[in-house]
Every structure is written in C-alpha cells, then in structure tokens.
Amino acid sequence: MNTTHKILLTMLVFLMASCSSVSTDRTNDATAISASASGAYSDNGLTSNNILYFAYDRSDINSEGRAKIRTLAKLIKDNDLSVRVEGHCDERGTREYNLALGEQRAKTVAELLIINGVSSNKISTVSYGEEKPAVSGSNENSWSKNRRALVKTF
C-alpha cells in the first residue's frame, strides 16, 4: 500500500464516526475489559469525524453512523488493515458500570464492522470507561464529548 493510500485511509477513518444510541442495563459486569492506565494516551489530531458519539446510557448506532461504518469497513477490507475500537463514557455512573458500557459501545461498532465484511481477527476492542476523558468538566457539554467510541488503525 503506497503512502497516498495510507493517508487517504487514515483520513477516511477519521471521517467514519457519528452519533449513536442504544440503552443498556446497568451492570457490575466483572468481565468488562479495562485498558491499562499506564502509558501515554492522547486524542490529539482526532476530529469528530473519526469518533462515534453516544447519547447518555446508550450504545446503538444511528443510520448516519452505520453509513460511515460501511465506508470504513470497505477501506479496512480494501487495505487489509487492523483496527482497535475504543469505548469511552462520561464520569457519571460507577467505574464498573462505565467499563461495561464502554465495552458495549466498542462491541457495537465492532459488530457493525463485521456485518459489513471486516474479518473479526482484524478488530480488537477495549473499554476505557471514564478513565480517559477527551474533555474535562462536569456538565452536559463535556459529558457529551466523552461518551464516544474511537476507531483507530494500527
């Protein structure tokens, strides 16, 4: 894959996210996946185009988000890429609940990628719960930016 294709693919990945929502039951799921808090983490360089935003306590993807995921899936398949889907939550709720909700958000995106033809062995998911906020603050504006899933190539 040449540099132009990589750049185009990276740009499209950033363009592939959207709003979404599905309700999940509150749970203290001990099997929720949590990413290590160690190591550097940054959303620098990311825009709302590569992030799916969610309504409070929801994990489904709307029709606009599904359309973007279809385009992303095509790029992933055409370029034989691997991706990581990261699920995030706002600060409300317990740590355990937010890890479970972040996991569900990541899995919802991953499932849509698989439905659209991406091999499951090309996708990994991780939940950061409330551990890695994109924006500081305890208000709806901040919370709405922290309820997200990111699709990243690696």
Protein backbone atom coordinates (compact mmCIF):
# COMPACT_ATOMS: atom_id res chain seq x y z
CA MET A 1 0.00 0.00 0.00
CA ASN A 2 1.53 3.29 -1.03
CA THR A 3 1.71 6.43 1.09
CA THR A 4 -1.19 8.11 -0.71
CA HIS A 5 -3.48 5.17 0.07
CA LYS A 6 -2.39 5.18 3.70
CA ILE A 7 -3.07 8.91 4.01
CA LEU A 8 -6.47 8.57 2.33
CA LEU A 9 -7.34 5.63 4.53
CA THR A 10 -6.30 7.44 7.68
CA MET A 11 -8.36 10.45 6.66
CA LEU A 12 -11.37 8.25 5.97
CA VAL A 13 -11.02 6.52 9.32
CA PHE A 14 -11.23 9.93 10.93
CA LEU A 15 -14.28 10.67 8.84
CA MET A 16 -16.14 7.50 9.75
CA ALA A 17 -17.77 8.21 13.06
CA SER A 18 -21.15 9.55 14.01
CA CYS A 19 -23.76 9.77 16.73
CA SER A 20 -25.41 6.71 18.14
CA SER A 21 -27.59 5.38 20.92
CA VAL A 22 -28.97 2.13 22.46
CA SER A 23 -29.88 1.55 26.01
CA THR A 24 -28.03 -0.94 28.13
CA ASP A 25 -28.95 -2.30 31.52
CA ARG A 26 -26.85 -1.17 34.45
CA THR A 27 -24.50 -3.90 35.47
CA ASN A 28 -21.48 -4.52 37.62
CA ASP A 29 -20.04 -6.83 34.97
CA ALA A 30 -16.74 -8.05 36.34
CA THR A 31 -15.74 -9.20 32.88
CA ALA A 32 -15.66 -5.66 31.47
CA ILE A 33 -12.43 -5.01 29.66
CA SER A 34 -10.36 -2.18 31.04
CA ALA A 35 -7.34 -0.74 29.34
CA SER A 36 -4.19 -0.23 31.30
CA ALA A 37 -3.98 3.22 32.81
CA SER A 38 -0.26 3.23 32.20
CA GLY A 39 1.32 4.63 29.08
CA ALA A 40 0.66 7.76 27.12
CA TYR A 41 -2.81 8.38 25.78
CA SER A 42 -3.92 11.22 23.61
CA ASP A 43 -6.80 12.10 21.31
CA ASN A 44 -4.61 14.76 19.69
CA GLY A 45 -5.22 15.07 15.98
CA LEU A 46 -8.60 13.39 16.17
CA THR A 47 -11.74 15.08 15.00
CA SER A 48 -15.40 14.31 15.39
CA ASN A 49 -15.22 12.57 12.00
CA ASN A 50 -13.47 9.51 13.44
CA ILE A 51 -15.43 9.40 16.66
CA LEU A 52 -18.89 7.98 17.23
CA TYR A 53 -20.73 9.90 19.92
CA PHE A 54 -23.42 8.31 22.07
CA ALA A 55 -26.44 9.52 23.98
CA TYR A 56 -26.44 9.13 27.75
CA ASP A 57 -26.60 5.46 28.76
CA ARG A 58 -26.83 4.30 25.12
CA SER A 59 -24.70 2.17 22.80
CA ASP A 60 -26.52 1.92 19.44
CA ILE A 61 -25.50 3.49 16.14
CA ASN A 62 -27.89 5.66 14.12
CA SER A 63 -28.32 5.42 10.33
CA GLU A 64 -25.73 8.12 9.63
CA GLY A 65 -23.20 6.27 11.78
CA ARG A 66 -24.00 2.97 10.07
CA ALA A 67 -23.37 4.56 6.67
CA LYS A 68 -19.99 5.86 7.82
CA ILE A 69 -19.11 2.45 9.26
CA ARG A 70 -19.95 0.82 5.89
CA THR A 71 -17.46 3.14 4.20
CA LEU A 72 -14.88 2.48 6.89
CA ALA A 73 -15.39 -1.29 6.57
CA LYS A 74 -14.72 -1.07 2.83
CA LEU A 75 -11.47 0.81 3.46
CA ILE A 76 -10.36 -1.65 6.11
CA LYS A 77 -11.04 -4.60 3.80
CA ASP A 78 -9.55 -3.00 0.68
CA ASN A 79 -6.33 -2.12 2.50
CA ASP A 80 -6.09 -5.18 4.76
CA LEU A 81 -5.94 -3.04 7.92
CA SER A 82 -6.36 -3.90 11.55
CA VAL A 83 -8.32 -1.58 13.84
CA ARG A 84 -8.90 -1.03 17.53
CA VAL A 85 -12.29 0.23 18.69
CA GLU A 86 -12.07 2.13 21.98
CA GLY A 87 -15.20 2.64 24.10
CA HIS A 88 -15.48 5.62 26.45
CA CYS A 89 -18.03 7.04 28.90
CA ASP A 90 -18.63 10.22 30.80
CA GLU A 91 -17.90 10.40 34.53
CA ARG A 92 -21.41 9.55 35.71
CA GLY A 93 -22.05 6.02 36.90
CA THR A 94 -19.82 3.62 38.76
CA ARG A 95 -16.44 2.61 37.43
CA GLU A 96 -17.70 -0.92 36.78
CA TYR A 97 -20.83 0.27 35.02
CA ASN A 98 -18.87 2.65 32.81
CA LEU A 99 -16.37 -0.06 31.88
CA ALA A 100 -19.26 -2.33 30.86
CA LEU A 101 -20.98 0.46 28.88
CA GLY A 102 -17.72 1.42 27.16
CA GLU A 103 -17.22 -2.22 26.25
CA GLN A 104 -20.74 -2.42 24.81
CA ARG A 105 -20.13 0.73 22.74
CA ALA A 106 -16.89 -0.68 21.34
CA LYS A 107 -18.52 -4.05 20.63
CA THR A 108 -21.47 -2.41 18.85
CA VAL A 109 -19.08 -0.64 16.47
CA ALA A 110 -17.03 -3.83 16.01
CA GLU A 111 -20.17 -5.86 15.25
CA LEU A 112 -21.21 -3.39 12.56
CA LEU A 113 -17.75 -3.59 11.01
CA ILE A 114 -18.01 -7.41 10.97
CA ILE A 115 -21.53 -7.26 9.50
CA ASN A 116 -20.03 -5.10 6.76
CA GLY A 117 -17.38 -7.70 5.91
CA VAL A 118 -14.38 -6.90 8.12
CA SER A 119 -12.81 -10.07 9.48
CA SER A 120 -13.18 -10.33 13.24
CA ASN A 121 -9.47 -11.07 13.58
CA LYS A 122 -8.77 -7.56 12.20
CA ILE A 123 -10.69 -5.89 15.05
CA SER A 124 -9.87 -5.52 18.71
CA THR A 125 -11.95 -3.70 21.30
CA VAL A 126 -11.12 -2.05 24.57
CA SER A 127 -13.13 -0.12 27.14
CA TYR A 128 -11.62 2.81 28.94
CA GLY A 129 -14.87 3.57 30.77
CA GLU A 130 -14.50 7.02 32.27
CA GLU A 131 -10.70 6.71 32.63
CA LYS A 132 -9.67 8.66 29.53
CA PRO A 133 -11.93 11.70 29.12
CA ALA A 134 -11.49 13.75 25.96
CA VAL A 135 -12.73 16.88 27.74
CA SER A 136 -12.58 17.93 31.40
CA GLY A 137 -15.67 19.21 33.11
CA SER A 138 -18.83 18.10 34.86
CA ASN A 139 -21.51 19.44 32.55
CA GLU A 140 -23.51 18.17 29.57
CA ASN A 141 -21.17 19.77 27.05
CA SER A 142 -18.19 17.87 28.48
CA TRP A 143 -20.11 14.66 29.10
CA SER A 144 -21.42 14.56 25.52
CA LYS A 145 -17.85 14.68 24.16
CA ASN A 146 -16.70 11.91 26.50
CA ARG A 147 -19.46 9.43 25.51
CA ARG A 148 -17.69 8.08 22.45
CA ALA A 149 -16.09 5.24 20.55
CA LEU A 150 -12.92 5.74 18.52
CA VAL A 151 -11.87 3.56 15.59
CA LYS A 152 -8.11 3.61 15.22
CA THR A 153 -5.88 1.83 12.74
CA PHE A 154 -2.64 0.22 13.80
